[in-house]
Amino acid sequence: MPRSFFKRTTFVVGDAEAAMQFYTTVFGLRVWYDNVLEPDADFPPAAPAGSRARLVILEGEDPVIGKLAFLQYLDAPPPAARVIDRQRVREGDTILVFETDDVDAVVARLPGTGATLHAGPKDWEVPSVSGEHRIELRTASLFDPNGIYIEVGTKRAPPPP
């Protein structure tokens, strides 16, 4: 079987600049790529051939995985599918999950960004992969300015076996 690995997630948005500003400000991601290009009409199938789009790719600590991208069609935007003022996730929605050392510091950077804090920060527990013990978490959840749902959390190492 050929080698495959997850590379990035790309969201089609109405404002790539605003998305870039939000994720660099709140999560400390860095701009890896920012260009206007002519995407093929089939990759992704969104706008007619010859349309221009701005693609912004952000990266975190890992230079290969964990990239997050925002694609904004400039000439012929596709119809909006997302409701920006969100309260709940729906079937087919994407959930972005960020791990951080300080959930409270991430939440403190939200005011003025256009994001909506949904819940937290709060402490809770989940079963470990083996189910033999519990993992303690501190999490918050929010909707970014584009209505994308995000969970941000930190976990403590499980107790030794």
N, C-alpha and C. Protein backbone atom coordinates (compact mmCIF):
# COMPACT_ATOMS: atom_id res chain seq x y z
N MET A 1 0.85 -1.18 0.00
CA MET A 1 0.00 0.00 0.00
C MET A 1 0.89 1.24 0.00
N PRO A 2 0.55 2.27 -0.79
CA PRO A 2 1.35 3.49 -0.81
C PRO A 2 1.30 4.22 0.53
N ARG A 3 2.36 4.91 0.84
CA ARG A 3 2.44 5.68 2.08
C ARG A 3 1.51 6.89 1.98
N SER A 4 0.74 7.15 3.02
CA SER A 4 -0.14 8.31 3.09
C SER A 4 -0.05 8.93 4.47
N PHE A 5 -0.17 10.25 4.53
CA PHE A 5 -0.23 10.92 5.82
C PHE A 5 -1.10 12.15 5.69
N PHE A 6 -1.69 12.54 6.81
CA PHE A 6 -2.55 13.72 6.84
C PHE A 6 -1.69 14.95 6.71
N LYS A 7 -2.05 15.85 5.81
CA LYS A 7 -1.23 17.02 5.54
C LYS A 7 -1.81 18.30 6.13
N ARG A 8 -3.07 18.62 5.80
CA ARG A 8 -3.67 19.85 6.32
C ARG A 8 -5.17 19.79 6.13
N THR A 9 -5.84 20.74 6.74
CA THR A 9 -7.27 20.97 6.55
C THR A 9 -7.41 22.36 5.95
N THR A 10 -8.25 22.48 4.90
CA THR A 10 -8.49 23.77 4.25
C THR A 10 -9.96 24.11 4.35
N PHE A 11 -10.26 25.32 4.76
CA PHE A 11 -11.63 25.81 4.83
C PHE A 11 -11.84 26.86 3.76
N VAL A 12 -12.96 26.80 3.07
CA VAL A 12 -13.35 27.85 2.13
C VAL A 12 -14.07 28.90 2.97
N VAL A 13 -13.56 30.13 2.94
CA VAL A 13 -14.08 31.20 3.79
C VAL A 13 -14.34 32.45 2.96
N GLY A 14 -15.09 33.36 3.54
CA GLY A 14 -15.37 34.63 2.88
C GLY A 14 -14.29 35.67 3.08
N ASP A 15 -13.41 35.48 4.08
CA ASP A 15 -12.39 36.48 4.38
C ASP A 15 -11.13 35.79 4.91
N ALA A 16 -10.21 35.47 4.03
CA ALA A 16 -8.98 34.78 4.42
C ALA A 16 -8.11 35.63 5.33
N GLU A 17 -8.11 36.94 5.12
CA GLU A 17 -7.32 37.84 5.96
C GLU A 17 -7.79 37.78 7.41
N ALA A 18 -9.10 37.86 7.61
CA ALA A 18 -9.65 37.80 8.97
C ALA A 18 -9.35 36.46 9.62
N ALA A 19 -9.46 35.38 8.85
CA ALA A 19 -9.15 34.05 9.40
C ALA A 19 -7.69 33.98 9.80
N MET A 20 -6.81 34.48 8.95
CA MET A 20 -5.38 34.47 9.25
C MET A 20 -5.10 35.27 10.53
N GLN A 21 -5.68 36.44 10.64
CA GLN A 21 -5.46 37.27 11.83
C GLN A 21 -5.94 36.57 13.09
N PHE A 22 -7.11 35.91 13.03
CA PHE A 22 -7.65 35.22 14.20
C PHE A 22 -6.71 34.11 14.67
N TYR A 23 -6.29 33.22 13.78
CA TYR A 23 -5.49 32.06 14.18
C TYR A 23 -4.06 32.43 14.55
N THR A 24 -3.52 33.51 13.99
CA THR A 24 -2.19 33.93 14.41
C THR A 24 -2.25 34.63 15.77
N THR A 25 -3.31 35.38 16.01
CA THR A 25 -3.47 36.09 17.29
C THR A 25 -3.83 35.16 18.43
N VAL A 26 -4.81 34.30 18.24
CA VAL A 26 -5.32 33.48 19.34
C VAL A 26 -4.46 32.25 19.59
N PHE A 27 -4.01 31.58 18.53
CA PHE A 27 -3.28 30.32 18.69
C PHE A 27 -1.80 30.41 18.38
N GLY A 28 -1.32 31.56 17.93
CA GLY A 28 0.10 31.72 17.67
C GLY A 28 0.60 30.99 16.44
N LEU A 29 -0.31 30.62 15.51
CA LEU A 29 0.14 29.98 14.29
C LEU A 29 0.90 30.99 13.44
N ARG A 30 1.77 30.50 12.57
CA ARG A 30 2.58 31.35 11.70
C ARG A 30 2.11 31.18 10.25
N VAL A 31 2.25 32.25 9.48
CA VAL A 31 1.91 32.18 8.06
C VAL A 31 3.02 31.41 7.35
N TRP A 32 2.65 30.33 6.68
CA TRP A 32 3.59 29.51 5.93
C TRP A 32 3.50 29.83 4.43
N TYR A 33 2.29 30.19 3.96
CA TYR A 33 2.03 30.46 2.54
C TYR A 33 0.90 31.46 2.46
N ASP A 34 1.01 32.44 1.57
CA ASP A 34 -0.05 33.42 1.36
C ASP A 34 0.08 33.96 -0.05
N ASN A 35 -0.77 33.47 -0.96
CA ASN A 35 -0.70 33.88 -2.36
C ASN A 35 -2.07 33.89 -3.01
N VAL A 36 -2.18 34.65 -4.07
CA VAL A 36 -3.35 34.60 -4.94
C VAL A 36 -3.01 33.64 -6.07
N LEU A 37 -3.93 32.75 -6.39
CA LEU A 37 -3.69 31.73 -7.40
C LEU A 37 -4.95 31.49 -8.21
N GLU A 38 -4.83 30.71 -9.27
CA GLU A 38 -5.97 30.31 -10.08
C GLU A 38 -6.19 28.83 -9.85
N PRO A 39 -7.09 28.47 -8.92
CA PRO A 39 -7.30 27.04 -8.66
C PRO A 39 -7.99 26.37 -9.84
N ASP A 40 -7.71 25.12 -10.05
CA ASP A 40 -8.39 24.33 -11.06
C ASP A 40 -9.86 24.26 -10.69
N ALA A 41 -10.74 24.31 -11.66
CA ALA A 41 -12.19 24.31 -11.39
C ALA A 41 -12.66 23.03 -10.70
N ASP A 42 -11.83 21.97 -10.73
CA ASP A 42 -12.21 20.71 -10.08
C ASP A 42 -11.50 20.47 -8.75
N PHE A 43 -10.57 21.33 -8.36
CA PHE A 43 -9.81 21.12 -7.13
C PHE A 43 -9.76 22.39 -6.31
N PRO A 44 -10.68 22.70 -5.42
CA PRO A 44 -11.94 22.00 -5.21
C PRO A 44 -13.00 22.49 -6.19
N PRO A 45 -14.08 21.73 -6.36
CA PRO A 45 -15.13 22.15 -7.29
C PRO A 45 -15.99 23.25 -6.68
N ALA A 46 -15.56 24.49 -6.83
CA ALA A 46 -16.27 25.59 -6.17
C ALA A 46 -16.58 26.76 -7.09
N ALA A 47 -15.64 27.15 -7.91
CA ALA A 47 -15.83 28.35 -8.75
C ALA A 47 -15.43 28.01 -10.18
N PRO A 48 -15.88 28.80 -11.13
CA PRO A 48 -15.55 28.53 -12.53
C PRO A 48 -14.06 28.63 -12.82
N ALA A 49 -13.63 27.96 -13.88
CA ALA A 49 -12.22 28.04 -14.32
C ALA A 49 -11.85 29.50 -14.53
N GLY A 50 -10.63 29.83 -14.19
CA GLY A 50 -10.15 31.20 -14.35
C GLY A 50 -10.40 32.09 -13.16
N SER A 51 -11.12 31.60 -12.17
CA SER A 51 -11.36 32.39 -10.96
C SER A 51 -10.08 32.50 -10.15
N ARG A 52 -9.91 33.62 -9.51
CA ARG A 52 -8.77 33.80 -8.63
C ARG A 52 -9.19 33.49 -7.19
N ALA A 53 -8.24 33.00 -6.42
CA ALA A 53 -8.51 32.71 -5.02
C ALA A 53 -7.27 33.06 -4.21
N ARG A 54 -7.47 33.39 -2.97
CA ARG A 54 -6.35 33.63 -2.06
C ARG A 54 -6.26 32.40 -1.16
N LEU A 55 -5.08 31.82 -1.10
CA LEU A 55 -4.84 30.66 -0.23
C LEU A 55 -3.84 31.07 0.83
N VAL A 56 -4.25 30.95 2.09
CA VAL A 56 -3.39 31.22 3.22
C VAL A 56 -3.22 29.91 3.97
N ILE A 57 -1.97 29.49 4.18
CA ILE A 57 -1.69 28.27 4.94
C ILE A 57 -0.90 28.67 6.18
N LEU A 58 -1.39 28.25 7.32
CA LEU A 58 -0.75 28.53 8.60
C LEU A 58 -0.14 27.25 9.15
N GLU A 59 0.89 27.40 9.96
CA GLU A 59 1.50 26.22 10.57
C GLU A 59 1.75 26.48 12.05
N GLY A 60 1.79 25.37 12.78
CA GLY A 60 2.11 25.43 14.20
C GLY A 60 3.56 25.00 14.41
N GLU A 61 3.77 24.24 15.45
CA GLU A 61 5.12 23.82 15.81
C GLU A 61 5.71 22.79 14.85
N ASP A 62 4.90 21.88 14.30
CA ASP A 62 5.40 20.84 13.41
C ASP A 62 5.44 21.39 11.98
N PRO A 63 6.59 21.33 11.29
CA PRO A 63 6.69 21.92 9.96
C PRO A 63 6.02 21.09 8.85
N VAL A 64 5.57 19.88 9.15
CA VAL A 64 4.98 19.03 8.12
C VAL A 64 3.48 18.83 8.34
N ILE A 65 3.11 18.44 9.54
CA ILE A 65 1.69 18.17 9.81
C ILE A 65 1.10 19.31 10.62
N GLY A 66 -0.19 19.31 10.73
CA GLY A 66 -0.85 20.32 11.54
C GLY A 66 -1.05 21.64 10.85
N LYS A 67 -0.99 21.68 9.53
CA LYS A 67 -1.21 22.94 8.82
C LYS A 67 -2.71 23.19 8.68
N LEU A 68 -3.08 24.44 8.68
CA LEU A 68 -4.46 24.87 8.59
C LEU A 68 -4.52 25.92 7.50
N ALA A 69 -5.46 25.76 6.55
CA ALA A 69 -5.50 26.67 5.41
C ALA A 69 -6.88 27.28 5.24
N PHE A 70 -6.90 28.47 4.62
CA PHE A 70 -8.14 29.19 4.33
C PHE A 70 -8.09 29.62 2.88
N LEU A 71 -9.12 29.26 2.12
CA LEU A 71 -9.20 29.56 0.71
C LEU A 71 -10.38 30.50 0.48
N GLN A 72 -10.09 31.66 -0.05
CA GLN A 72 -11.12 32.66 -0.33
C GLN A 72 -11.19 32.89 -1.83
N TYR A 73 -12.33 32.61 -2.45
CA TYR A 73 -12.52 32.90 -3.87
C TYR A 73 -12.75 34.39 -4.03
N LEU A 74 -11.98 35.02 -4.90
CA LEU A 74 -12.01 36.47 -5.02
C LEU A 74 -12.97 36.97 -6.11
N ASP A 75 -13.12 36.22 -7.21
CA ASP A 75 -13.93 36.69 -8.34
C ASP A 75 -15.35 36.15 -8.33
N ALA A 76 -15.50 34.89 -8.01
CA ALA A 76 -16.81 34.24 -8.05
C ALA A 76 -16.97 33.35 -6.83
N PRO A 77 -17.25 33.96 -5.67
CA PRO A 77 -17.33 33.14 -4.46
C PRO A 77 -18.47 32.13 -4.56
N PRO A 78 -18.24 30.91 -4.05
CA PRO A 78 -19.32 29.94 -4.02
C PRO A 78 -20.39 30.40 -3.03
N PRO A 79 -21.61 29.89 -3.14
CA PRO A 79 -22.64 30.30 -2.19
C PRO A 79 -22.26 29.93 -0.76
N ALA A 80 -22.57 30.80 0.18
CA ALA A 80 -22.26 30.54 1.59
C ALA A 80 -23.08 29.36 2.08
N ALA A 81 -22.41 28.42 2.72
CA ALA A 81 -23.10 27.24 3.26
C ALA A 81 -23.17 27.27 4.77
N ARG A 82 -22.29 28.04 5.39
CA ARG A 82 -22.22 28.05 6.85
C ARG A 82 -23.00 29.23 7.41
N VAL A 83 -23.59 28.98 8.55
CA VAL A 83 -24.24 30.05 9.30
C VAL A 83 -23.18 30.56 10.26
N ILE A 84 -22.82 31.84 10.15
CA ILE A 84 -21.73 32.37 10.95
C ILE A 84 -22.09 32.47 12.43
N ASP A 85 -23.29 32.89 12.76
CA ASP A 85 -23.70 33.00 14.17
C ASP A 85 -24.16 31.63 14.65
N ARG A 86 -23.21 30.80 15.07
CA ARG A 86 -23.48 29.40 15.39
C ARG A 86 -23.64 29.19 16.88
N GLN A 87 -24.44 28.22 17.23
CA GLN A 87 -24.61 27.80 18.62
C GLN A 87 -24.37 26.30 18.79
N ARG A 88 -24.52 25.53 17.71
CA ARG A 88 -24.39 24.07 17.76
C ARG A 88 -23.66 23.58 16.51
N VAL A 89 -23.04 22.41 16.62
CA VAL A 89 -22.47 21.76 15.44
C VAL A 89 -23.55 20.88 14.81
N ARG A 90 -23.37 20.62 13.52
CA ARG A 90 -24.32 19.80 12.77
C ARG A 90 -23.58 18.65 12.10
N GLU A 91 -24.31 17.65 11.67
CA GLU A 91 -23.72 16.55 10.93
C GLU A 91 -22.98 17.10 9.72
N GLY A 92 -21.77 16.62 9.51
CA GLY A 92 -20.94 17.09 8.40
C GLY A 92 -20.02 18.23 8.77
N ASP A 93 -20.21 18.84 9.94
CA ASP A 93 -19.33 19.92 10.38
C ASP A 93 -17.95 19.37 10.74
N THR A 94 -16.98 20.24 10.69
CA THR A 94 -15.62 19.93 11.10
C THR A 94 -15.40 20.46 12.50
N ILE A 95 -14.66 19.72 13.30
CA ILE A 95 -14.26 20.19 14.62
C ILE A 95 -12.74 20.30 14.63
N LEU A 96 -12.23 21.52 14.82
CA LEU A 96 -10.80 21.71 14.96
C LEU A 96 -10.44 21.52 16.42
N VAL A 97 -9.37 20.79 16.69
CA VAL A 97 -8.94 20.54 18.06
C VAL A 97 -7.50 21.02 18.21
N PHE A 98 -7.30 21.94 19.14
CA PHE A 98 -5.97 22.47 19.44
C PHE A 98 -5.59 22.02 20.85
N GLU A 99 -4.34 21.62 21.01
CA GLU A 99 -3.81 21.35 22.34
C GLU A 99 -2.90 22.51 22.70
N THR A 100 -2.97 22.92 23.97
CA THR A 100 -2.20 24.06 24.44
C THR A 100 -1.71 23.79 25.85
N ASP A 101 -0.74 24.56 26.29
CA ASP A 101 -0.28 24.48 27.67
C ASP A 101 -1.16 25.30 28.60
N ASP A 102 -1.95 26.24 28.05
CA ASP A 102 -2.70 27.17 28.89
C ASP A 102 -4.02 27.56 28.22
N VAL A 103 -5.07 26.81 28.52
CA VAL A 103 -6.40 27.07 27.95
C VAL A 103 -6.88 28.46 28.33
N ASP A 104 -6.66 28.85 29.57
CA ASP A 104 -7.14 30.16 30.04
C ASP A 104 -6.49 31.31 29.26
N ALA A 105 -5.22 31.17 28.91
CA ALA A 105 -4.54 32.21 28.14
C ALA A 105 -5.12 32.32 26.73
N VAL A 106 -5.47 31.17 26.13
CA VAL A 106 -6.09 31.20 24.80
C VAL A 106 -7.43 31.93 24.89
N VAL A 107 -8.25 31.59 25.88
CA VAL A 107 -9.56 32.23 26.05
C VAL A 107 -9.40 33.73 26.30
N ALA A 108 -8.36 34.11 27.03
CA ALA A 108 -8.13 35.54 27.32
C ALA A 108 -7.82 36.33 26.06
N ARG A 109 -7.33 35.66 25.01
CA ARG A 109 -7.01 36.36 23.76
C ARG A 109 -8.22 36.47 22.82
N LEU A 110 -9.37 35.92 23.18
CA LEU A 110 -10.54 35.93 22.30
C LEU A 110 -11.24 37.29 22.15
N PRO A 111 -11.36 38.11 23.19
CA PRO A 111 -12.11 39.36 23.03
C PRO A 111 -11.57 40.21 21.87
N GLY A 112 -12.48 40.72 21.06
CA GLY A 112 -12.12 41.57 19.94
C GLY A 112 -11.75 40.82 18.67
N THR A 113 -11.78 39.47 18.71
CA THR A 113 -11.39 38.70 17.52
C THR A 113 -12.58 38.31 16.66
N GLY A 114 -13.80 38.47 17.16
CA GLY A 114 -14.98 38.04 16.42
C GLY A 114 -15.38 36.62 16.73
N ALA A 115 -14.63 35.94 17.58
CA ALA A 115 -14.97 34.57 17.98
C ALA A 115 -16.03 34.61 19.08
N THR A 116 -16.73 33.49 19.24
CA THR A 116 -17.74 33.35 20.29
C THR A 116 -17.36 32.19 21.19
N LEU A 117 -17.09 32.48 22.46
CA LEU A 117 -16.81 31.43 23.43
C LEU A 117 -18.09 30.66 23.67
N HIS A 118 -18.06 29.34 23.52
CA HIS A 118 -19.25 28.53 23.75
C HIS A 118 -19.26 27.98 25.18
N ALA A 119 -18.15 27.42 25.63
CA ALA A 119 -18.11 26.83 26.97
C ALA A 119 -16.68 26.83 27.51
N GLY A 120 -16.60 26.94 28.83
CA GLY A 120 -15.32 26.80 29.51
C GLY A 120 -14.63 28.13 29.70
N PRO A 121 -13.40 28.05 30.16
CA PRO A 121 -12.63 26.85 30.45
C PRO A 121 -13.25 26.05 31.61
N LYS A 122 -13.17 24.74 31.48
CA LYS A 122 -13.67 23.88 32.56
C LYS A 122 -12.85 22.60 32.62
N ASP A 123 -12.88 21.99 33.79
CA ASP A 123 -12.14 20.75 34.04
C ASP A 123 -13.10 19.58 33.98
N TRP A 124 -12.66 18.49 33.36
CA TRP A 124 -13.45 17.27 33.30
C TRP A 124 -12.53 16.10 32.98
N GLU A 125 -13.08 14.89 32.89
CA GLU A 125 -12.28 13.69 32.67
C GLU A 125 -12.89 12.84 31.56
N VAL A 126 -12.03 12.08 30.88
CA VAL A 126 -12.46 11.09 29.89
C VAL A 126 -11.68 9.80 30.15
N PRO A 127 -12.21 8.66 29.68
CA PRO A 127 -11.45 7.42 29.83
C PRO A 127 -10.19 7.44 28.96
N SER A 128 -9.13 6.80 29.43
CA SER A 128 -7.91 6.67 28.63
C SER A 128 -8.19 5.71 27.46
N VAL A 129 -7.24 5.61 26.54
CA VAL A 129 -7.40 4.72 25.39
C VAL A 129 -7.66 3.29 25.86
N SER A 130 -6.94 2.84 26.86
CA SER A 130 -7.12 1.48 27.37
C SER A 130 -8.37 1.35 28.22
N GLY A 131 -8.89 2.47 28.70
CA GLY A 131 -10.05 2.44 29.58
C GLY A 131 -9.72 2.10 31.02
N GLU A 132 -8.43 1.94 31.31
CA GLU A 132 -8.02 1.53 32.66
C GLU A 132 -7.94 2.68 33.64
N HIS A 133 -7.86 3.89 33.17
CA HIS A 133 -7.83 5.05 34.06
C HIS A 133 -8.46 6.24 33.34
N ARG A 134 -8.51 7.36 34.03
CA ARG A 134 -9.14 8.57 33.50
C ARG A 134 -8.07 9.59 33.15
N ILE A 135 -8.36 10.39 32.14
CA ILE A 135 -7.46 11.48 31.75
C ILE A 135 -8.13 12.79 32.16
N GLU A 136 -7.41 13.60 32.91
CA GLU A 136 -7.93 14.89 33.36
C GLU A 136 -7.68 15.94 32.28
N LEU A 137 -8.73 16.69 31.95
CA LEU A 137 -8.65 17.70 30.90
C LEU A 137 -9.07 19.07 31.42
N ARG A 138 -8.56 20.09 30.80
CA ARG A 138 -9.08 21.46 30.96
C ARG A 138 -9.36 21.93 29.55
N THR A 139 -10.61 22.28 29.26
CA THR A 139 -10.98 22.60 27.89
C THR A 139 -11.87 23.84 27.82
N ALA A 140 -11.92 24.38 26.62
CA ALA A 140 -12.87 25.44 26.27
C ALA A 140 -13.31 25.14 24.84
N SER A 141 -14.49 25.63 24.48
CA SER A 141 -14.93 25.47 23.10
C SER A 141 -15.45 26.81 22.61
N LEU A 142 -15.30 27.02 21.30
CA LEU A 142 -15.67 28.31 20.72
C LEU A 142 -16.00 28.14 19.25
N PHE A 143 -16.61 29.16 18.69
CA PHE A 143 -16.81 29.27 17.25
C PHE A 143 -15.94 30.42 16.77
N ASP A 144 -15.12 30.17 15.75
CA ASP A 144 -14.26 31.24 15.23
C ASP A 144 -15.11 32.24 14.44
N PRO A 145 -14.53 33.32 13.94
CA PRO A 145 -15.33 34.32 13.22
C PRO A 145 -16.04 33.80 11.97
N ASN A 146 -15.60 32.65 11.43
CA ASN A 146 -16.25 32.05 10.27
C ASN A 146 -17.29 31.00 10.66
N GLY A 147 -17.51 30.81 11.96
CA GLY A 147 -18.48 29.81 12.41
C GLY A 147 -17.89 28.42 12.55
N ILE A 148 -16.57 28.28 12.46
CA ILE A 148 -15.91 26.98 12.61
C ILE A 148 -15.78 26.67 14.09
N TYR A 149 -16.21 25.46 14.47
CA TYR A 149 -16.19 25.04 15.87
C TYR A 149 -14.78 24.58 16.25
N ILE A 150 -14.30 25.04 17.40
CA ILE A 150 -12.96 24.72 17.88
C ILE A 150 -13.04 24.24 19.33
N GLU A 151 -12.31 23.17 19.61
CA GLU A 151 -12.09 22.74 20.99
C GLU A 151 -10.62 22.97 21.28
N VAL A 152 -10.34 23.57 22.41
CA VAL A 152 -8.96 23.80 22.82
C VAL A 152 -8.80 23.23 24.21
N GLY A 153 -7.72 22.47 24.42
CA GLY A 153 -7.58 21.82 25.71
C GLY A 153 -6.15 21.50 26.06
N THR A 154 -6.01 21.09 27.30
CA THR A 154 -4.75 20.59 27.81
C THR A 154 -5.08 19.36 28.65
N LYS A 155 -4.18 18.42 28.69
CA LYS A 155 -4.40 17.22 29.50
C LYS A 155 -3.20 16.94 30.37
N ARG A 156 -3.50 16.29 31.48
CA ARG A 156 -2.43 15.85 32.36
C ARG A 156 -2.11 14.41 32.01
N ALA A 157 -0.87 14.02 32.16
CA ALA A 157 -0.47 12.65 31.84
C ALA A 157 -1.23 11.68 32.73
N PRO A 158 -1.62 10.53 32.17
CA PRO A 158 -2.32 9.54 32.99
C PRO A 158 -1.38 9.00 34.06
N PRO A 159 -1.96 8.52 35.15
CA PRO A 159 -1.09 7.97 36.21
C PRO A 159 -0.36 6.73 35.69
N PRO A 160 0.83 6.48 36.24
CA PRO A 160 1.58 5.31 35.78
C PRO A 160 0.79 4.03 36.05
N PRO A 161 0.98 3.01 35.19
CA PRO A 161 0.23 1.75 35.38
C PRO A 161 0.60 1.02 36.64
